[in-house]
Amino acid sequence: PANALKVAKIAEESERNQLMYMAQMLEGNA
């Protein structure tokens, strides 16, 4: 259970990082 929570947290952070990266790319192109 603790491991699943850790994996979920990592996945959440990864998703957030992807969104931030995409936002930066869009800002750079604008």
C-alpha atoms as a PDB file:
ATOM      1  CA  PRO A   1       0.000   0.000   0.000  1.00  0.00           C
ATOM      2  CA  ALA A   2       2.762   2.463   0.891  1.00  0.00           C
ATOM      3  CA  ASN A   3       4.459   1.653  -2.406  1.00  0.00           C
ATOM      4  CA  ALA A   4       1.260   2.276  -4.380  1.00  0.00           C
ATOM      5  CA  LEU A   5       0.919   5.653  -2.695  1.00  0.00           C
ATOM      6  CA  LYS A   6       4.512   6.490  -3.605  1.00  0.00           C
ATOM      7  CA  VAL A   7       3.929   5.508  -7.236  1.00  0.00           C
ATOM      8  CA  ALA A   8       0.740   7.571  -7.377  1.00  0.00           C
ATOM      9  CA  LYS A   9       2.590  10.592  -5.997  1.00  0.00           C
ATOM     10  CA  ILE A  10       5.374  10.225  -8.574  1.00  0.00           C
ATOM     11  CA  ALA A  11       2.827   9.875 -11.388  1.00  0.00           C
ATOM     12  CA  GLU A  12       1.030  12.991 -10.187  1.00  0.00           C
ATOM     13  CA  GLU A  13       4.249  15.013 -10.087  1.00  0.00           C
ATOM     14  CA  SER A  14       5.263  13.717 -13.516  1.00  0.00           C
ATOM     15  CA  GLU A  15       1.914  14.759 -14.968  1.00  0.00           C
ATOM     16  CA  ARG A  16       2.203  18.201 -13.400  1.00  0.00           C
ATOM     17  CA  ASN A  17       5.741  18.592 -14.774  1.00  0.00           C
ATOM     18  CA  GLN A  18       4.504  17.666 -18.255  1.00  0.00           C
ATOM     19  CA  LEU A  19       1.746  20.278 -18.056  1.00  0.00           C
ATOM     20  CA  MET A  20       4.190  22.944 -16.886  1.00  0.00           C
ATOM     21  CA  TYR A  21       6.618  21.999 -19.667  1.00  0.00           C
ATOM     22  CA  MET A  22       3.868  22.218 -22.287  1.00  0.00           C
ATOM     23  CA  ALA A  23       2.741  25.584 -20.894  1.00  0.00           C
ATOM     24  CA  GLN A  24       6.297  26.917 -21.153  1.00  0.00           C
ATOM     25  CA  MET A  25       6.561  25.686 -24.743  1.00  0.00           C
ATOM     26  CA  LEU A  26       3.277  27.410 -25.636  1.00  0.00           C
ATOM     27  CA  GLU A  27       4.430  30.639 -24.013  1.00  0.00           C
ATOM     28  CA  GLY A  28       7.700  30.467 -25.928  1.00  0.00           C
ATOM     29  CA  ASN A  29       5.867  29.984 -29.234  1.00  0.00           C
ATOM     30  CA  ALA A  30       3.358  32.782 -28.582  1.00  0.00           C
END
